[in-house]
Amino acid sequence: MVPFLEILDGMVKRGIELRLIHAKDPGPNWRDDFDRYPTLWTAMERMLCPRVHFKCIIVDGVKAYFGSANLTGAGMGAMSEKKRNFENGVLSDDPALVEPLVEQFDSVWRGAFCKGCGRSALGFASAIPSRCSALTSFGGYATSAATRWHKKD
C-alpha cells in the first residue's frame, strides 16, 4: 500500500492544491511520516478543528467520497486482515450529495462556527494560536479528517 502522505506529496508536485482539516493534535506516527515529505510542509494547507468528525475527500468541488473510515492504518485497510476495520463510504459526483459536503468543509475552513464554538484551541493544540487555525509546519496524525483538493488554475 502506498503511504497516504506519499500520495498527497505527489499530488502537490503535480500542481494540485490540498487542504486538510485535522480533528485533533496529530501524533508522532504521522509527524514522523510527514517529516519525510518536505514539499507538504508549506504546500498543503492544514487546520485544526476539534469538532470535526466527518470524513470526506472533495475533488474540484464536483466529486466527493464520504464515509466512516478514519485516516488510520485500520481505517484505510493497511492493517492485517484480522485488524482492519469494517468501513463503508460513498463516491459520488451527484451535486445533491457533493454540494452540502463542499459547504460543510468550506464553512469549517472559513471558521464560520469558531465564534460561538465555546471550545478553546489551546485546550486541544498548544501549538495553535487563537481559534483552531492553520497548521503551517506542524505535522500530525488525525483520526478524523477531511481533505479538499483541486487543480491550480
N, C-alpha and C. Protein backbone atom coordinates (compact mmCIF):
# COMPACT_ATOMS: atom_id res chain seq x y z
N MET A 1 0.84 -1.18 0.00
CA MET A 1 0.00 0.00 0.00
C MET A 1 0.88 1.24 0.00
N VAL A 2 0.59 2.18 -0.88
CA VAL A 2 1.33 3.44 -0.97
C VAL A 2 0.93 4.32 0.21
N PRO A 3 1.90 4.87 0.95
CA PRO A 3 1.57 5.75 2.08
C PRO A 3 0.73 6.94 1.64
N PHE A 4 -0.26 7.28 2.47
CA PHE A 4 -1.18 8.38 2.18
C PHE A 4 -0.43 9.68 1.92
N LEU A 5 0.56 9.99 2.76
CA LEU A 5 1.30 11.24 2.59
C LEU A 5 2.13 11.23 1.31
N GLU A 6 2.57 10.08 0.87
CA GLU A 6 3.28 9.99 -0.41
C GLU A 6 2.35 10.34 -1.57
N ILE A 7 1.12 9.90 -1.47
CA ILE A 7 0.11 10.23 -2.49
C ILE A 7 -0.13 11.74 -2.50
N LEU A 8 -0.31 12.32 -1.31
CA LEU A 8 -0.54 13.77 -1.24
C LEU A 8 0.67 14.54 -1.75
N ASP A 9 1.87 14.09 -1.43
CA ASP A 9 3.10 14.73 -1.90
C ASP A 9 3.14 14.72 -3.43
N GLY A 10 2.80 13.61 -4.03
CA GLY A 10 2.78 13.53 -5.49
C GLY A 10 1.75 14.46 -6.11
N MET A 11 0.61 14.60 -5.43
CA MET A 11 -0.44 15.50 -5.93
C MET A 11 0.05 16.94 -5.92
N VAL A 12 0.67 17.35 -4.83
CA VAL A 12 1.19 18.72 -4.72
C VAL A 12 2.23 18.98 -5.80
N LYS A 13 3.08 18.01 -6.05
CA LYS A 13 4.11 18.16 -7.08
C LYS A 13 3.51 18.26 -8.48
N ARG A 14 2.29 17.77 -8.65
CA ARG A 14 1.59 17.89 -9.95
C ARG A 14 0.75 19.16 -10.02
N GLY A 15 0.85 20.03 -9.02
CA GLY A 15 0.14 21.30 -9.06
C GLY A 15 -1.26 21.26 -8.48
N ILE A 16 -1.55 20.28 -7.67
CA ILE A 16 -2.88 20.18 -7.05
C ILE A 16 -2.82 20.83 -5.68
N GLU A 17 -3.77 21.71 -5.41
CA GLU A 17 -3.86 22.38 -4.11
C GLU A 17 -4.60 21.48 -3.13
N LEU A 18 -4.08 21.37 -1.92
CA LEU A 18 -4.67 20.49 -0.90
C LEU A 18 -4.98 21.26 0.37
N ARG A 19 -6.10 20.92 0.96
CA ARG A 19 -6.47 21.42 2.29
C ARG A 19 -6.88 20.23 3.14
N LEU A 20 -6.37 20.19 4.36
CA LEU A 20 -6.68 19.09 5.28
C LEU A 20 -7.10 19.67 6.61
N ILE A 21 -8.24 19.22 7.10
CA ILE A 21 -8.70 19.63 8.43
C ILE A 21 -8.44 18.46 9.38
N HIS A 22 -7.63 18.72 10.38
CA HIS A 22 -7.36 17.73 11.42
C HIS A 22 -8.37 17.91 12.55
N ALA A 23 -8.78 16.82 13.16
CA ALA A 23 -9.71 16.90 14.27
C ALA A 23 -8.99 17.13 15.60
N LYS A 24 -7.74 16.72 15.69
CA LYS A 24 -7.00 16.87 16.94
C LYS A 24 -5.52 16.98 16.64
N ASP A 25 -4.76 17.28 17.68
CA ASP A 25 -3.32 17.33 17.53
C ASP A 25 -2.83 16.06 16.89
N PRO A 26 -2.11 16.17 15.80
CA PRO A 26 -1.55 14.98 15.17
C PRO A 26 -0.49 14.35 16.07
N GLY A 27 -0.37 13.04 15.99
CA GLY A 27 0.54 12.30 16.85
C GLY A 27 1.87 11.98 16.20
N PRO A 28 2.71 11.26 16.92
CA PRO A 28 4.09 11.02 16.49
C PRO A 28 4.22 10.19 15.21
N ASN A 29 3.36 9.23 14.97
CA ASN A 29 3.48 8.42 13.76
C ASN A 29 3.32 9.28 12.51
N TRP A 30 2.28 10.12 12.50
CA TRP A 30 2.05 10.99 11.35
C TRP A 30 3.20 11.99 11.20
N ARG A 31 3.62 12.58 12.33
CA ARG A 31 4.69 13.58 12.28
C ARG A 31 5.97 12.97 11.71
N ASP A 32 6.30 11.76 12.14
CA ASP A 32 7.49 11.10 11.61
C ASP A 32 7.37 10.90 10.11
N ASP A 33 6.20 10.46 9.65
CA ASP A 33 5.98 10.28 8.21
C ASP A 33 5.99 11.63 7.49
N PHE A 34 5.33 12.61 8.09
CA PHE A 34 5.21 13.94 7.48
C PHE A 34 6.59 14.55 7.23
N ASP A 35 7.51 14.32 8.15
CA ASP A 35 8.86 14.87 8.03
C ASP A 35 9.58 14.35 6.79
N ARG A 36 9.14 13.25 6.23
CA ARG A 36 9.76 12.68 5.03
C ARG A 36 9.31 13.37 3.75
N TYR A 37 8.33 14.28 3.84
CA TYR A 37 7.76 14.93 2.66
C TYR A 37 7.81 16.45 2.81
N PRO A 38 9.00 17.04 2.69
CA PRO A 38 9.13 18.50 2.93
C PRO A 38 8.28 19.36 2.00
N THR A 39 7.91 18.86 0.84
CA THR A 39 7.05 19.64 -0.06
C THR A 39 5.72 19.95 0.62
N LEU A 40 5.24 19.02 1.43
CA LEU A 40 3.94 19.21 2.09
C LEU A 40 4.00 20.24 3.21
N TRP A 41 5.18 20.51 3.75
CA TRP A 41 5.30 21.42 4.88
C TRP A 41 4.69 22.77 4.58
N THR A 42 4.85 23.24 3.37
CA THR A 42 4.32 24.56 3.03
C THR A 42 3.24 24.51 1.95
N ALA A 43 3.22 23.44 1.16
CA ALA A 43 2.31 23.39 0.02
C ALA A 43 0.91 22.91 0.39
N MET A 44 0.77 22.14 1.46
CA MET A 44 -0.54 21.64 1.86
C MET A 44 -1.05 22.49 3.02
N GLU A 45 -2.20 23.12 2.81
CA GLU A 45 -2.80 23.92 3.88
C GLU A 45 -3.51 22.98 4.85
N ARG A 46 -3.29 23.24 6.14
CA ARG A 46 -3.94 22.42 7.16
C ARG A 46 -4.47 23.29 8.28
N MET A 47 -5.50 22.79 8.92
CA MET A 47 -6.03 23.48 10.09
C MET A 47 -6.56 22.45 11.07
N LEU A 48 -6.84 22.91 12.26
CA LEU A 48 -7.34 22.06 13.33
C LEU A 48 -8.73 22.53 13.74
N CYS A 49 -9.64 21.60 13.85
CA CYS A 49 -10.96 21.88 14.42
C CYS A 49 -11.36 20.66 15.24
N PRO A 50 -11.37 20.79 16.56
CA PRO A 50 -11.65 19.64 17.41
C PRO A 50 -13.08 19.10 17.27
N ARG A 51 -13.94 19.83 16.61
CA ARG A 51 -15.31 19.35 16.44
C ARG A 51 -15.50 18.53 15.17
N VAL A 52 -14.49 18.50 14.31
CA VAL A 52 -14.61 17.75 13.05
C VAL A 52 -14.64 16.25 13.35
N HIS A 53 -15.68 15.62 12.88
CA HIS A 53 -15.79 14.17 12.96
C HIS A 53 -16.12 13.61 11.58
N PHE A 54 -16.47 14.47 10.64
CA PHE A 54 -16.78 13.99 9.30
C PHE A 54 -15.50 13.56 8.59
N LYS A 55 -15.66 12.60 7.70
CA LYS A 55 -14.56 12.11 6.90
C LYS A 55 -14.98 12.24 5.45
N CYS A 56 -14.29 13.07 4.71
CA CYS A 56 -14.64 13.24 3.31
C CYS A 56 -13.42 13.68 2.52
N ILE A 57 -13.47 13.41 1.24
CA ILE A 57 -12.49 13.87 0.29
C ILE A 57 -13.28 14.51 -0.84
N ILE A 58 -12.97 15.76 -1.15
CA ILE A 58 -13.70 16.50 -2.18
C ILE A 58 -12.71 16.89 -3.27
N VAL A 59 -13.07 16.60 -4.50
CA VAL A 59 -12.19 16.88 -5.64
C VAL A 59 -12.86 17.91 -6.54
N ASP A 60 -12.19 19.05 -6.70
CA ASP A 60 -12.65 20.13 -7.58
C ASP A 60 -14.08 20.58 -7.31
N GLY A 61 -14.60 20.29 -6.13
CA GLY A 61 -15.96 20.69 -5.79
C GLY A 61 -17.04 19.95 -6.57
N VAL A 62 -16.67 18.92 -7.32
CA VAL A 62 -17.66 18.22 -8.14
C VAL A 62 -17.72 16.72 -7.88
N LYS A 63 -16.76 16.18 -7.16
CA LYS A 63 -16.76 14.75 -6.84
C LYS A 63 -16.35 14.61 -5.38
N ALA A 64 -16.96 13.68 -4.68
CA ALA A 64 -16.64 13.52 -3.27
C ALA A 64 -16.77 12.07 -2.83
N TYR A 65 -15.91 11.73 -1.89
CA TYR A 65 -16.04 10.49 -1.14
C TYR A 65 -16.40 10.90 0.28
N PHE A 66 -17.33 10.22 0.88
CA PHE A 66 -17.59 10.41 2.30
C PHE A 66 -17.95 9.06 2.90
N GLY A 67 -17.52 8.84 4.12
CA GLY A 67 -17.77 7.55 4.74
C GLY A 67 -17.26 7.49 6.16
N SER A 68 -17.12 6.29 6.66
CA SER A 68 -16.80 6.08 8.07
C SER A 68 -15.31 5.97 8.34
N ALA A 69 -14.49 5.74 7.34
CA ALA A 69 -13.07 5.44 7.54
C ALA A 69 -12.28 6.63 8.07
N ASN A 70 -11.57 6.41 9.16
CA ASN A 70 -10.62 7.39 9.68
C ASN A 70 -9.32 7.26 8.89
N LEU A 71 -8.49 8.30 8.95
CA LEU A 71 -7.19 8.25 8.29
C LEU A 71 -6.17 7.56 9.20
N THR A 72 -6.44 6.30 9.47
CA THR A 72 -5.54 5.46 10.25
C THR A 72 -5.25 4.21 9.44
N GLY A 73 -4.26 3.45 9.86
CA GLY A 73 -3.97 2.21 9.16
C GLY A 73 -5.17 1.28 9.14
N ALA A 74 -5.84 1.15 10.28
CA ALA A 74 -7.01 0.27 10.35
C ALA A 74 -8.15 0.79 9.49
N GLY A 75 -8.34 2.10 9.49
CA GLY A 75 -9.43 2.68 8.70
C GLY A 75 -9.19 2.62 7.21
N MET A 76 -7.92 2.71 6.81
CA MET A 76 -7.60 2.74 5.39
C MET A 76 -7.23 1.36 4.83
N GLY A 77 -7.33 0.32 5.65
CA GLY A 77 -7.09 -1.04 5.17
C GLY A 77 -5.65 -1.47 5.14
N ALA A 78 -4.77 -0.75 5.85
CA ALA A 78 -3.35 -1.10 5.83
C ALA A 78 -2.99 -2.14 6.87
N MET A 79 -3.87 -2.44 7.77
CA MET A 79 -3.60 -3.42 8.82
C MET A 79 -3.82 -4.82 8.27
N SER A 80 -3.43 -5.80 9.05
CA SER A 80 -3.65 -7.18 8.65
C SER A 80 -5.15 -7.45 8.56
N GLU A 81 -5.50 -8.48 7.85
CA GLU A 81 -6.92 -8.79 7.62
C GLU A 81 -7.71 -8.91 8.92
N LYS A 82 -7.08 -9.38 9.98
CA LYS A 82 -7.78 -9.56 11.26
C LYS A 82 -7.87 -8.27 12.07
N LYS A 83 -7.17 -7.23 11.66
CA LYS A 83 -7.17 -5.97 12.41
C LYS A 83 -7.84 -4.83 11.68
N ARG A 84 -8.20 -5.01 10.42
CA ARG A 84 -8.85 -3.94 9.65
C ARG A 84 -10.24 -3.67 10.20
N ASN A 85 -10.62 -2.41 10.13
CA ASN A 85 -11.98 -2.04 10.50
C ASN A 85 -12.93 -2.36 9.35
N PHE A 86 -14.18 -2.56 9.68
CA PHE A 86 -15.21 -2.68 8.66
C PHE A 86 -15.73 -1.27 8.40
N GLU A 87 -15.53 -0.78 7.20
CA GLU A 87 -15.87 0.59 6.85
C GLU A 87 -16.83 0.61 5.67
N ASN A 88 -17.45 1.75 5.48
CA ASN A 88 -18.24 1.96 4.26
C ASN A 88 -18.12 3.41 3.85
N GLY A 89 -18.46 3.67 2.60
CA GLY A 89 -18.38 5.03 2.10
C GLY A 89 -19.04 5.14 0.75
N VAL A 90 -19.22 6.37 0.31
CA VAL A 90 -19.89 6.66 -0.95
C VAL A 90 -18.99 7.58 -1.77
N LEU A 91 -18.84 7.25 -3.05
CA LEU A 91 -18.16 8.11 -4.00
C LEU A 91 -19.22 8.62 -4.96
N SER A 92 -19.32 9.93 -5.12
CA SER A 92 -20.41 10.48 -5.93
C SER A 92 -19.98 11.75 -6.64
N ASP A 93 -20.61 11.98 -7.80
CA ASP A 93 -20.50 13.28 -8.47
C ASP A 93 -21.87 13.93 -8.56
N ASP A 94 -22.83 13.42 -7.81
CA ASP A 94 -24.19 13.97 -7.77
C ASP A 94 -24.16 15.28 -6.98
N PRO A 95 -24.48 16.40 -7.62
CA PRO A 95 -24.45 17.69 -6.92
C PRO A 95 -25.29 17.71 -5.64
N ALA A 96 -26.36 16.95 -5.60
CA ALA A 96 -27.21 16.92 -4.39
C ALA A 96 -26.45 16.35 -3.20
N LEU A 97 -25.45 15.51 -3.43
CA LEU A 97 -24.62 14.96 -2.36
C LEU A 97 -23.34 15.77 -2.17
N VAL A 98 -22.74 16.20 -3.26
CA VAL A 98 -21.44 16.87 -3.20
C VAL A 98 -21.55 18.29 -2.64
N GLU A 99 -22.52 19.06 -3.09
CA GLU A 99 -22.60 20.47 -2.69
C GLU A 99 -22.73 20.67 -1.18
N PRO A 100 -23.55 19.88 -0.45
CA PRO A 100 -23.58 20.05 1.00
C PRO A 100 -22.25 19.72 1.68
N LEU A 101 -21.51 18.75 1.13
CA LEU A 101 -20.19 18.43 1.68
C LEU A 101 -19.21 19.57 1.46
N VAL A 102 -19.25 20.16 0.27
CA VAL A 102 -18.40 21.32 -0.03
C VAL A 102 -18.73 22.46 0.93
N GLU A 103 -19.99 22.72 1.12
CA GLU A 103 -20.40 23.82 2.01
C GLU A 103 -19.96 23.55 3.44
N GLN A 104 -20.13 22.31 3.92
CA GLN A 104 -19.71 21.97 5.28
C GLN A 104 -18.20 22.16 5.44
N PHE A 105 -17.43 21.59 4.52
CA PHE A 105 -15.98 21.72 4.59
C PHE A 105 -15.57 23.19 4.56
N ASP A 106 -16.09 23.93 3.59
CA ASP A 106 -15.71 25.34 3.45
C ASP A 106 -16.13 26.17 4.66
N SER A 107 -17.27 25.87 5.24
CA SER A 107 -17.72 26.61 6.44
C SER A 107 -16.78 26.38 7.60
N VAL A 108 -16.36 25.15 7.81
CA VAL A 108 -15.40 24.86 8.87
C VAL A 108 -14.07 25.53 8.55
N TRP A 109 -13.64 25.43 7.30
CA TRP A 109 -12.36 26.03 6.88
C TRP A 109 -12.35 27.53 7.12
N ARG A 110 -13.45 28.19 6.80
CA ARG A 110 -13.53 29.65 6.97
C ARG A 110 -13.67 30.06 8.44
N GLY A 111 -13.94 29.10 9.30
CA GLY A 111 -14.12 29.42 10.71
C GLY A 111 -15.52 29.91 11.04
N ALA A 112 -16.49 29.53 10.24
CA ALA A 112 -17.86 30.01 10.41
C ALA A 112 -18.45 29.66 11.77
N PHE A 113 -17.94 28.61 12.41
CA PHE A 113 -18.51 28.17 13.68
C PHE A 113 -17.62 28.53 14.87
N CYS A 114 -16.48 29.14 14.61
CA CYS A 114 -15.49 29.38 15.66
C CYS A 114 -15.99 30.33 16.75
N LYS A 115 -16.62 31.43 16.36
CA LYS A 115 -17.01 32.45 17.33
C LYS A 115 -17.93 31.88 18.41
N GLY A 116 -18.88 31.09 18.04
CA GLY A 116 -19.82 30.54 19.01
C GLY A 116 -19.50 29.15 19.48
N CYS A 117 -18.33 28.65 19.14
CA CYS A 117 -17.98 27.26 19.40
C CYS A 117 -17.91 26.94 20.88
N GLY A 118 -17.23 27.76 21.65
CA GLY A 118 -17.11 27.50 23.07
C GLY A 118 -15.94 26.61 23.44
N ARG A 119 -15.21 26.12 22.46
CA ARG A 119 -14.03 25.31 22.74
C ARG A 119 -12.79 26.16 22.55
N SER A 120 -11.83 25.96 23.42
CA SER A 120 -10.58 26.71 23.33
C SER A 120 -9.58 25.91 22.51
N ALA A 121 -9.00 26.54 21.53
CA ALA A 121 -7.98 25.88 20.73
C ALA A 121 -6.80 25.47 21.61
N LEU A 122 -6.52 26.26 22.64
CA LEU A 122 -5.38 25.95 23.50
C LEU A 122 -5.57 24.65 24.25
N GLY A 123 -6.81 24.28 24.52
CA GLY A 123 -7.07 23.02 25.19
C GLY A 123 -6.82 21.82 24.30
N PHE A 124 -6.73 22.04 23.02
CA PHE A 124 -6.56 20.93 22.09
C PHE A 124 -5.23 20.97 21.37
N ALA A 125 -4.65 22.13 21.23
CA ALA A 125 -3.40 22.22 20.48
C ALA A 125 -2.59 23.40 20.96
N SER A 126 -1.67 23.14 21.85
CA SER A 126 -0.89 24.24 22.41
C SER A 126 -0.07 24.94 21.34
N ALA A 127 0.20 24.26 20.21
CA ALA A 127 0.97 24.89 19.14
C ALA A 127 0.11 25.78 18.26
N ILE A 128 -1.20 25.81 18.52
CA ILE A 128 -2.11 26.56 17.66
C ILE A 128 -2.50 27.86 18.35
N PRO A 129 -2.23 29.02 17.73
CA PRO A 129 -2.67 30.28 18.31
C PRO A 129 -4.17 30.45 18.12
N SER A 130 -4.78 31.43 18.75
CA SER A 130 -6.19 31.75 18.64
C SER A 130 -6.99 30.84 17.70
N ARG A 131 -8.22 30.81 17.80
CA ARG A 131 -9.15 29.90 17.12
C ARG A 131 -8.43 28.64 16.65
N CYS A 132 -9.08 27.72 16.12
CA CYS A 132 -8.48 26.47 15.67
C CYS A 132 -7.93 26.70 14.28
N SER A 133 -6.82 27.40 14.23
CA SER A 133 -6.36 27.98 12.98
C SER A 133 -5.39 27.11 12.22
N ALA A 134 -4.82 27.68 11.19
CA ALA A 134 -3.99 26.94 10.24
C ALA A 134 -2.76 26.35 10.91
N LEU A 135 -2.44 25.13 10.51
CA LEU A 135 -1.20 24.48 10.91
C LEU A 135 -0.24 24.68 9.76
N THR A 136 0.90 25.29 10.02
CA THR A 136 1.81 25.54 8.91
C THR A 136 2.94 24.53 8.86
N SER A 137 3.75 24.43 9.87
CA SER A 137 4.86 23.47 9.81
C SER A 137 4.68 22.38 10.86
N PHE A 138 3.47 22.07 11.16
CA PHE A 138 3.16 21.11 12.20
C PHE A 138 2.51 19.89 11.56
N GLY A 139 3.14 18.77 11.67
CA GLY A 139 2.59 17.53 11.09
C GLY A 139 1.72 16.84 12.09
N GLY A 140 1.02 15.79 11.69
CA GLY A 140 0.28 15.07 12.68
C GLY A 140 -0.55 13.95 12.18
N TYR A 141 -1.12 13.23 13.11
CA TYR A 141 -1.91 12.06 12.84
C TYR A 141 -3.34 12.34 13.24
N ALA A 142 -4.22 12.35 12.30
CA ALA A 142 -5.61 12.70 12.58
C ALA A 142 -6.49 11.47 12.46
N THR A 143 -7.30 11.23 13.45
CA THR A 143 -8.21 10.11 13.32
C THR A 143 -9.44 10.50 12.53
N SER A 144 -9.87 11.72 12.65
CA SER A 144 -10.95 12.23 11.80
C SER A 144 -10.38 13.37 11.00
N ALA A 145 -10.57 13.31 9.71
CA ALA A 145 -10.02 14.37 8.88
C ALA A 145 -10.83 14.50 7.60
N ALA A 146 -10.73 15.65 7.02
CA ALA A 146 -11.40 15.90 5.75
C ALA A 146 -10.38 16.55 4.83
N THR A 147 -10.44 16.22 3.58
CA THR A 147 -9.48 16.73 2.61
C THR A 147 -10.23 17.30 1.42
N ARG A 148 -9.75 18.41 0.91
CA ARG A 148 -10.33 19.01 -0.29
C ARG A 148 -9.19 19.39 -1.21
N TRP A 149 -9.31 19.07 -2.48
CA TRP A 149 -8.28 19.48 -3.42
C TRP A 149 -8.85 19.85 -4.75
N HIS A 150 -8.06 20.64 -5.49
CA HIS A 150 -8.40 20.99 -6.87
C HIS A 150 -7.13 21.39 -7.60
N LYS A 151 -7.18 21.29 -8.90
CA LYS A 151 -6.03 21.65 -9.72
C LYS A 151 -5.88 23.16 -9.72
N LYS A 152 -4.63 23.61 -9.63
CA LYS A 152 -4.36 25.06 -9.67
C LYS A 152 -4.69 25.56 -11.06
N ASP A 153 -5.24 26.77 -11.11
CA ASP A 153 -5.56 27.38 -12.41
C ASP A 153 -4.33 27.89 -13.11
